[in-house]
């Protein structure tokens, strides 16, 4: 008997995909198990079914799928050889663009994915300070698949226990909890790495307080802008919040879905990963054959051009506000204001689903996602793109209306009558 696509994926790929966020356990069972292509903000499965997408390549696609301008820029670099034996003019141009764009970046190192550059930032902080502890917020769930971070989560299998013990945690927007770490580990914390914001913004000058506390204690202040970069502001959330980190990391939306990530920061720190300081002890920072692949960097350069020319970031804020208001108005009209709402920043909103006791509910979230797919919209979360326009807003709100009507019935009755799927699960859980 011939296996279907889902079975074939799991037969050949552990987890059925190359990132856990694309796994079957992250989507209701009526979601397409495999996709053939994307166009603008739509995706098509193996049967040609079309879905309006709000996953957008795990937030990496900010202009739109298959954008010809960006694809052509990528192709032009492929024809130049794509990956040369020495540094290319394209990677120099990309590095100059990053330095010109971001005031905090004086040197830059490119890689292919976020984990590589966040781990490189941690390595630099440790090398620069001669210390071993790294501090991260409890509330921010992911920084790297490397052992220094995963070893600090419940996912301990395959990681020596010693690796995670040097990653300590504090609470976002609670400067005293970070002060307690510095008191607990005096002169031992190499750096603090954190996202500038998620759905909750900094209060009481929190980011500046963290930076000051780091510098008073000789630690490196690192902002991870994988999600916030090229969405909150063309120059990242660091520009939006007027804060300059010592080091920063970018990825995802840098190149409209092409594989580019970057570590940037102050030359004083970055240069210790170099080779020009004769006699200095070497720091083996990142060394990747494909880190400066010309096609992806060409896509990055063109993406920045499109972001600037077409006011894409402004579109995120405008569309996101209209989407947030529209979804919340529908929820309110159905008497579900305490059970379903959209929160966070308009450029990157987040929807929350709660049960009758007002506890976050994965079963009800699964039901909502299931019904949205029935109505032609794939909404695992809310990642916006420039391709989401007025037509897509209307289509989305119609789907939300129909889906929340079912959620309301489930809240008033038995969810089992409506949910025809296994419940989606957290990525970070100890057991399958």
Protein backbone atom coordinates (compact mmCIF):
# COMPACT_ATOMS: atom_id res chain seq x y z
CA UNK A 1 0.00 0.00 0.00
CA UNK A 2 1.41 3.37 -1.02
CA UNK A 3 2.17 5.72 1.88
CA UNK A 4 0.60 9.19 1.94
CA UNK A 5 2.70 12.34 2.17
CA UNK A 6 2.47 12.55 5.97
CA UNK A 7 3.69 8.98 6.35
CA UNK A 8 6.46 9.50 3.81
CA UNK A 9 7.64 12.64 5.62
CA UNK A 10 7.85 10.86 8.98
CA UNK A 11 9.48 7.82 7.39
CA UNK A 12 12.35 9.94 6.08
CA UNK A 13 12.57 13.01 8.36
CA UNK A 14 12.61 12.87 12.19
CA UNK A 15 9.62 14.93 13.25
CA UNK A 16 8.28 15.03 9.68
CA UNK A 17 9.80 18.47 9.03
CA UNK A 18 13.11 20.26 9.50
CA UNK A 19 11.86 22.52 12.26
CA UNK A 20 9.51 21.43 15.04
CA UNK A 21 7.32 24.48 14.44
CA UNK A 22 6.20 22.88 11.17
CA UNK A 23 5.32 19.58 12.87
CA UNK A 24 1.96 17.84 12.71
CA UNK A 25 1.44 18.49 16.43
CA UNK A 26 1.41 22.25 15.78
CA UNK A 27 -1.63 22.18 13.49
CA UNK A 28 -5.16 20.75 13.55
CA UNK A 29 -5.57 17.54 11.60
CA UNK A 30 -7.47 19.20 8.74
CA UNK A 31 -4.42 21.36 7.95
CA UNK A 32 -2.60 20.39 4.76
CA UNK A 33 0.16 17.91 5.64
CA UNK A 34 2.36 19.12 2.79
CA UNK A 35 2.50 22.27 0.68
CA UNK A 36 3.49 22.56 -2.96
CA UNK A 37 4.02 26.29 -3.34
CA UNK A 38 3.27 29.78 -2.08
CA UNK A 39 2.16 32.90 -3.92
CA UNK A 40 1.89 36.28 -2.22
CA UNK A 41 0.24 35.39 1.09
CA UNK A 42 -1.41 32.19 -0.16
CA UNK A 43 -0.19 28.60 -0.05
CA UNK A 44 -1.28 25.61 -2.11
CA UNK A 45 -1.25 21.98 -1.04
CA UNK A 46 -0.60 18.84 -3.09
CA UNK A 47 -4.24 18.75 -4.21
CA UNK A 48 -4.20 22.36 -5.38
CA UNK A 49 -6.27 23.63 -2.44
CA UNK A 50 -5.59 27.28 -1.69
CA UNK A 51 -5.24 28.76 1.80
CA UNK A 52 -4.69 32.31 2.96
CA UNK A 53 -1.60 32.00 5.15
CA UNK A 54 -0.68 33.79 8.35
CA UNK A 55 2.31 31.54 9.12
CA UNK A 56 4.39 33.10 6.33
CA UNK A 57 7.31 30.71 6.49
CA UNK A 58 7.55 30.86 10.31
CA UNK A 59 7.58 34.68 10.07
CA UNK A 60 10.48 34.71 7.60
CA UNK A 61 8.45 35.94 4.61
CA UNK A 62 7.62 39.62 5.08
CA UNK A 63 7.13 40.79 1.47
CA UNK A 64 5.34 37.74 0.06
CA UNK A 65 5.92 34.26 -1.32
CA UNK A 66 7.55 34.10 -4.73
CA UNK A 67 8.25 37.83 -5.02
CA UNK A 68 9.77 38.19 -8.49
CA UNK A 69 12.01 41.15 -7.71
CA UNK A 70 13.66 39.32 -4.85
CA UNK A 71 13.80 36.03 -6.73
CA UNK A 72 15.46 37.77 -9.70
CA UNK A 73 18.05 39.38 -7.40
CA UNK A 74 18.75 35.94 -5.95
CA UNK A 75 19.04 34.37 -9.42
CA UNK A 76 21.45 37.08 -10.60
CA UNK A 77 23.78 36.15 -7.73
CA UNK A 78 23.47 32.44 -8.56
CA UNK A 79 24.70 33.21 -12.08
CA UNK A 80 27.76 34.93 -10.58
CA UNK A 81 28.75 31.61 -9.00
CA UNK A 82 26.72 31.75 -5.75
CA UNK A 83 29.53 30.55 -3.45
CA UNK A 84 33.09 31.54 -4.29
CA UNK A 85 36.50 30.54 -2.93
CA UNK A 86 37.23 33.96 -1.41
CA UNK A 87 34.97 36.61 0.05
CA UNK A 88 32.61 38.04 -2.57
CA UNK A 89 31.70 41.60 -3.47
CA UNK A 90 28.11 40.66 -2.61
CA UNK A 91 28.92 39.77 0.98
CA UNK A 92 30.88 43.00 1.34
CA UNK A 93 27.89 44.95 0.00
CA UNK A 94 25.58 43.11 2.42
CA UNK A 95 27.90 43.81 5.35
CA UNK A 96 28.11 47.49 4.42
CA UNK A 97 24.31 47.62 4.21
CA UNK A 98 23.94 46.18 7.73
CA UNK A 99 26.48 48.61 9.16
CA UNK A 100 24.88 51.59 7.39
CA UNK A 101 21.39 50.51 8.45
CA UNK A 102 21.97 49.83 12.16
CA UNK A 103 23.77 52.31 14.41
CA UNK A 104 24.67 49.54 16.89
CA UNK A 105 26.38 47.41 14.23
CA UNK A 106 30.03 48.16 13.46
CA UNK A 107 30.93 44.67 12.27
CA UNK A 108 28.76 41.79 11.09
CA UNK A 109 28.99 38.03 10.61
CA UNK A 110 26.45 36.24 8.39
CA UNK A 111 25.15 32.71 8.82
CA UNK A 112 22.22 30.63 7.58
CA UNK A 113 20.00 30.36 10.65
CA UNK A 114 19.25 32.06 13.93
CA UNK A 115 20.68 29.45 16.28
CA UNK A 116 24.12 29.86 14.72
CA UNK A 117 24.28 33.59 15.41
CA UNK A 118 22.71 33.56 18.89
CA UNK A 119 25.22 30.86 19.91
CA UNK A 120 27.99 32.94 18.33
CA UNK A 121 26.85 35.95 20.36
CA UNK A 122 27.01 33.88 23.54
CA UNK A 123 30.47 32.62 22.62
CA UNK A 124 31.67 36.18 21.99
CA UNK A 125 30.28 37.38 25.31
CA UNK A 126 32.07 34.58 27.13
CA UNK A 127 35.31 35.15 25.25
CA UNK A 128 35.18 38.91 25.76
CA UNK A 129 34.48 38.72 29.51
CA UNK A 130 36.21 35.47 30.43
CA UNK A 131 33.00 34.40 32.22
CA UNK A 132 30.66 31.45 31.69
CA UNK A 133 27.10 32.31 32.84
CA UNK A 134 24.44 33.61 30.42
CA UNK A 135 21.12 35.12 31.53
CA UNK A 136 17.87 34.84 29.52
CA UNK A 137 14.23 35.68 30.37
CA UNK A 138 11.85 32.92 31.54
CA UNK A 139 9.11 34.36 29.34
CA UNK A 140 11.00 34.04 26.05
CA UNK A 141 10.87 30.39 24.97
CA UNK A 142 13.58 29.96 22.33
CA UNK A 143 17.06 31.29 21.58
CA UNK A 144 18.97 28.39 20.01
CA UNK A 145 18.85 24.65 19.41
CA UNK A 146 22.38 24.45 20.84
CA UNK A 147 23.06 22.85 24.21
CA UNK A 148 23.75 26.09 26.08
CA UNK A 149 20.05 26.96 25.74
CA UNK A 150 18.11 23.69 25.23
CA UNK A 151 19.96 22.27 28.23
CA UNK A 152 18.21 24.90 30.36
CA UNK A 153 14.74 23.71 29.28
CA UNK A 154 12.79 20.54 30.08
CA UNK A 155 14.25 18.93 26.93
CA UNK A 156 17.29 17.39 28.61
CA UNK A 157 17.64 14.15 26.66
CA UNK A 158 20.88 14.03 24.68
CA UNK A 159 22.42 16.97 26.55
CA UNK A 160 24.94 16.58 29.39
CA UNK A 161 23.48 18.18 32.50
CA UNK A 162 26.53 20.43 32.88
CA UNK A 163 25.73 22.33 29.68
CA UNK A 164 22.49 23.91 30.82
CA UNK A 165 23.59 24.88 34.31
CA UNK A 166 25.40 27.97 33.06
CA UNK A 167 22.22 29.45 31.59
CA UNK A 168 20.26 31.24 34.31
CA UNK A 169 16.89 32.95 34.04
CA UNK A 170 15.19 36.15 35.12
CA UNK A 171 11.78 37.70 34.47
CA UNK A 172 11.12 40.16 31.66
CA UNK A 173 10.12 43.60 32.97
CA UNK A 174 11.43 42.70 36.43
CA UNK A 175 14.81 44.36 36.84
CA UNK A 176 15.13 43.10 40.41
CA UNK A 177 15.05 39.48 39.24
CA UNK A 178 18.04 40.22 37.01
CA UNK A 179 19.79 42.10 39.81
CA UNK A 180 19.36 38.98 41.96
CA UNK A 181 21.22 36.93 39.34
CA UNK A 182 24.11 39.36 39.29
CA UNK A 183 24.17 39.22 43.09
CA UNK A 184 24.03 35.40 43.06
CA UNK A 185 26.81 35.12 40.45
CA UNK A 186 29.09 38.12 41.11
CA UNK A 187 31.59 38.73 38.29
CA UNK A 188 30.46 35.47 36.64
CA UNK A 189 27.75 36.51 34.15
CA UNK A 190 29.17 37.00 30.67
CA UNK A 191 26.06 38.42 29.08
CA UNK A 192 22.31 38.86 28.97
CA UNK A 193 20.57 37.78 25.76
CA UNK A 194 16.91 38.67 25.28
CA UNK A 195 14.31 39.66 22.75
CA UNK A 196 13.55 43.38 23.10
CA UNK A 197 9.84 42.52 23.25
CA UNK A 198 7.30 39.83 22.48
CA UNK A 199 3.59 40.56 22.99
CA UNK A 200 4.45 42.65 26.05
CA UNK A 201 6.58 45.75 25.68
CA UNK A 202 9.21 47.03 28.10
CA UNK A 203 7.88 49.11 30.99
CA UNK A 204 9.68 51.48 33.35
CA UNK A 205 12.58 51.88 30.90
CA UNK A 206 13.29 48.15 31.29
CA UNK A 207 15.63 47.66 28.31
CA UNK A 208 17.77 50.61 29.32
CA UNK A 209 17.82 49.37 32.90
CA UNK A 210 19.03 45.95 31.70
CA UNK A 211 21.76 47.56 29.62
CA UNK A 212 22.90 49.73 32.54
CA UNK A 213 22.90 46.74 34.89
CA UNK A 214 24.94 44.71 32.40
CA UNK A 215 27.52 47.43 32.00
CA UNK A 216 27.78 48.09 35.73
CA UNK A 217 28.56 44.41 36.18
CA UNK A 218 30.89 44.02 33.21
CA UNK A 219 28.46 41.88 31.16
CA UNK A 220 27.56 42.08 27.46
CA UNK A 221 24.05 43.27 26.54
CA UNK A 222 22.65 41.25 23.60
CA UNK A 223 19.34 41.80 21.79
CA UNK A 224 17.92 38.91 19.78
CA UNK A 225 15.90 40.44 16.95
CA UNK A 226 14.96 37.25 15.08
CA UNK A 227 11.27 38.15 15.25
CA UNK A 228 11.33 41.90 15.85
CA UNK A 229 13.93 42.70 13.17
CA UNK A 230 12.58 44.26 9.97
CA UNK A 231 9.05 44.27 11.44
CA UNK A 232 8.88 46.74 14.35
CA UNK A 233 11.11 49.13 12.42
CA UNK A 234 13.37 48.87 9.40
CA UNK A 235 16.24 49.14 11.89
CA UNK A 236 14.72 46.70 14.33
CA UNK A 237 13.00 47.05 17.69
CA UNK A 238 16.25 48.53 19.00
CA UNK A 239 15.43 51.60 16.92
CA UNK A 240 11.76 51.53 17.91
CA UNK A 241 12.70 51.48 21.62
CA UNK A 242 15.78 53.71 21.16
CA UNK A 243 18.24 51.26 22.70
CA UNK A 244 21.69 50.28 21.43
CA UNK A 245 22.85 46.77 22.34
CA UNK A 246 26.47 45.64 22.47
CA UNK A 247 25.59 42.72 20.19
CA UNK A 248 22.45 41.89 18.23
CA UNK A 249 21.18 39.03 16.13
CA UNK A 250 18.83 39.01 13.15
CA UNK A 251 17.27 36.40 10.88
CA UNK A 252 13.79 35.37 9.66
CA UNK A 253 12.47 38.43 7.77
CA UNK A 254 15.89 39.66 6.61
CA UNK A 255 15.55 38.23 3.12
CA UNK A 256 11.88 37.39 2.52
CA UNK A 257 12.31 33.72 3.33
CA UNK A 258 15.84 33.14 2.06
CA UNK A 259 18.28 31.69 4.57
CA UNK A 260 20.17 34.62 6.08
CA UNK A 261 20.98 35.38 9.70
CA UNK A 262 23.38 37.92 11.13
CA UNK A 263 25.35 38.68 14.25
CA UNK A 264 26.32 42.32 14.55
CA UNK A 265 27.69 44.65 17.17
CA UNK A 266 30.43 46.80 18.54
CA UNK A 267 33.82 46.39 16.92
CA UNK A 268 35.55 46.09 20.29
CA UNK A 269 33.70 42.81 20.87
CA UNK A 270 33.23 41.55 17.32
CA UNK A 271 36.89 41.92 16.34
CA UNK A 272 37.99 39.20 18.76
CA UNK A 273 36.53 36.76 16.24
CA UNK A 274 39.00 38.08 13.66
CA UNK A 275 42.50 37.09 12.54
CA UNK A 276 44.40 40.38 12.27
CA UNK A 277 45.50 40.81 15.88
CA UNK A 278 48.74 38.90 15.70
CA UNK A 279 49.58 36.87 18.80
CA UNK A 280 46.09 37.19 20.30
CA UNK A 281 44.39 34.00 21.41
CA UNK A 282 41.92 33.00 18.72
CA UNK A 283 38.15 32.84 19.10
CA UNK A 284 36.61 30.41 16.63
CA UNK A 285 33.41 32.38 16.13
CA UNK A 286 31.32 31.04 13.23
CA UNK A 287 32.82 29.40 10.17
CA UNK A 288 30.21 28.28 7.68
CA UNK A 289 30.73 27.31 4.04
CA UNK A 290 27.31 28.67 3.12
CA UNK A 291 27.18 31.62 5.53
CA UNK A 292 27.90 34.16 2.80
CA UNK A 293 26.02 32.43 -0.01
CA UNK A 294 25.58 35.16 -2.59
CA UNK A 295 22.03 34.25 -3.63
CA UNK A 296 20.61 34.70 -0.13
CA UNK A 297 22.60 37.89 0.49
CA UNK A 298 21.39 39.25 -2.83
CA UNK A 299 17.86 38.53 -1.62
CA UNK A 300 18.65 40.38 1.62
CA UNK A 301 19.91 43.45 -0.21
CA UNK A 302 16.84 43.53 -2.47
CA UNK A 303 14.47 42.90 0.45
CA UNK A 304 15.81 45.95 2.29
CA UNK A 305 15.32 47.99 -0.89
CA UNK A 306 11.68 46.85 -1.15
CA UNK A 307 11.07 47.45 2.56
CA UNK A 308 12.28 51.02 2.19
CA UNK A 309 10.67 51.81 -1.15
CA UNK A 310 7.21 50.36 -0.43
CA UNK A 311 6.91 51.42 3.23
CA UNK A 312 6.40 47.79 4.20
CA UNK A 313 6.92 48.26 7.94
CA UNK A 314 4.29 51.01 7.96
CA UNK A 315 1.94 48.55 6.23
CA UNK A 316 2.52 46.00 9.02
CA UNK A 317 1.41 48.52 11.62
CA UNK A 318 -1.62 49.70 9.64
CA UNK A 319 -2.85 46.26 8.52
CA UNK A 320 -2.13 44.78 11.93
CA UNK A 321 -4.21 47.43 13.69
CA UNK A 322 -7.16 46.89 11.36
CA UNK A 323 -6.86 43.11 11.75
CA UNK A 324 -6.60 43.36 15.54
CA UNK A 325 -9.56 45.72 15.80
CA UNK A 326 -11.62 43.61 13.42
CA UNK A 327 -10.98 40.32 15.22
CA UNK A 328 -11.58 41.84 18.63
CA UNK A 329 -14.81 43.49 17.45
CA UNK A 330 -16.11 40.13 16.23
CA UNK A 331 -15.17 38.47 19.51
CA UNK A 332 -16.83 41.21 21.52
CA UNK A 333 -20.00 41.03 19.42
CA UNK A 334 -20.28 37.30 20.19
CA UNK A 335 -19.76 37.84 23.92
CA UNK A 336 -16.32 36.20 23.79
CA UNK A 337 -14.17 39.14 24.88
CA UNK A 338 -12.74 37.14 27.80
CA UNK A 339 -12.28 33.97 25.76
CA UNK A 340 -10.74 35.19 22.52
CA UNK A 341 -8.75 38.34 21.95
CA UNK A 342 -5.85 39.72 19.93
CA UNK A 343 -3.09 41.45 21.87
CA UNK A 344 0.43 42.74 21.40
CA UNK A 345 1.94 45.16 18.94
CA UNK A 346 -0.01 45.88 15.76
CA UNK A 347 2.99 44.99 13.58
CA UNK A 348 3.08 41.50 15.11
CA UNK A 349 -0.20 40.71 16.87
CA UNK A 350 -0.98 37.59 18.85
CA UNK A 351 -4.31 35.86 19.45
CA UNK A 352 -5.22 34.21 22.75
CA UNK A 353 -7.93 31.58 23.30
CA UNK A 354 -9.26 30.84 26.80
CA UNK A 355 -11.80 28.45 28.28
CA UNK A 356 -14.86 29.28 30.38
CA UNK A 357 -12.66 29.66 33.48
CA UNK A 358 -10.47 32.11 31.53
CA UNK A 359 -7.48 29.76 31.39
CA UNK A 360 -5.46 29.55 28.18
CA UNK A 361 -6.90 26.59 26.27
CA UNK A 362 -5.02 24.55 23.68
CA UNK A 363 -8.17 22.52 22.84
CA UNK A 364 -10.10 25.70 22.02
CA UNK A 365 -7.12 27.14 20.13
CA UNK A 366 -7.03 23.93 18.10
CA UNK A 367 -10.77 24.24 17.43
CA UNK A 368 -10.37 27.84 16.25
CA UNK A 369 -7.47 26.88 13.95
CA UNK A 370 -9.48 23.91 12.65
CA UNK A 371 -12.45 26.10 11.78
CA UNK A 372 -10.25 28.77 10.18
CA UNK A 373 -8.80 26.12 7.87
CA UNK A 374 -12.35 25.00 7.00
CA UNK A 375 -12.90 28.61 5.96
CA UNK A 376 -9.74 28.76 3.86
CA UNK A 377 -7.35 30.47 6.29
CA UNK A 378 -4.29 28.89 7.90
CA UNK A 379 -3.64 30.82 11.10
CA UNK A 380 -1.25 29.04 13.49
CA UNK A 381 -0.32 32.55 14.67
CA UNK A 382 -0.31 36.02 13.10
CA UNK A 383 2.67 36.78 10.86
CA UNK A 384 1.93 39.66 8.51
CA UNK A 385 3.34 40.34 5.07
CA UNK A 386 3.10 43.13 2.51
CA UNK A 387 0.99 40.75 0.41
CA UNK A 388 -1.80 40.88 3.03
CA UNK A 389 -4.03 43.65 1.69
CA UNK A 390 -7.68 44.77 1.90
CA UNK A 391 -9.02 41.69 0.12
CA UNK A 392 -7.22 39.41 2.55
CA UNK A 393 -8.42 41.42 5.53
CA UNK A 394 -12.06 40.97 4.48
CA UNK A 395 -11.55 37.24 3.80
CA UNK A 396 -9.87 36.80 7.20
CA UNK A 397 -12.57 38.59 9.16
CA UNK A 398 -15.30 36.55 7.46
CA UNK A 399 -13.44 33.37 8.45
CA UNK A 400 -12.96 34.63 12.02
CA UNK A 401 -16.70 35.36 12.32
CA UNK A 402 -17.65 31.85 11.22
CA UNK A 403 -14.94 30.19 13.33
CA UNK A 404 -15.73 32.07 16.53
CA UNK A 405 -19.39 31.18 16.20
CA UNK A 406 -18.31 27.53 16.49
CA UNK A 407 -15.98 28.34 19.40
CA UNK A 408 -18.92 30.01 21.16
CA UNK A 409 -21.04 26.86 20.74
CA UNK A 410 -18.19 24.72 22.10
CA UNK A 411 -17.88 26.97 25.16
CA UNK A 412 -21.61 26.67 25.79
CA UNK A 413 -21.72 22.92 25.20
CA UNK A 414 -19.27 20.06 24.64
CA UNK A 415 -16.12 20.81 22.70
CA UNK A 416 -15.96 17.15 21.66
CA UNK A 417 -18.95 17.75 19.39
CA UNK A 418 -16.93 20.22 17.35
CA UNK A 419 -13.23 19.39 17.67
CA UNK A 420 -12.31 16.71 15.13
CA UNK A 421 -8.58 16.78 15.78
CA UNK A 422 -5.94 15.93 18.32
CA UNK A 423 -5.07 18.94 20.43
CA UNK A 424 -2.01 20.91 19.32
CA UNK A 425 0.93 20.66 21.73
CA UNK A 426 3.69 22.97 22.94
CA UNK A 427 7.01 22.55 21.10
CA UNK A 428 8.87 22.66 24.41
CA UNK A 429 7.53 19.64 26.27
CA UNK A 430 9.42 16.80 27.89
CA UNK A 431 7.45 13.94 26.35
CA UNK A 432 5.92 13.37 22.91
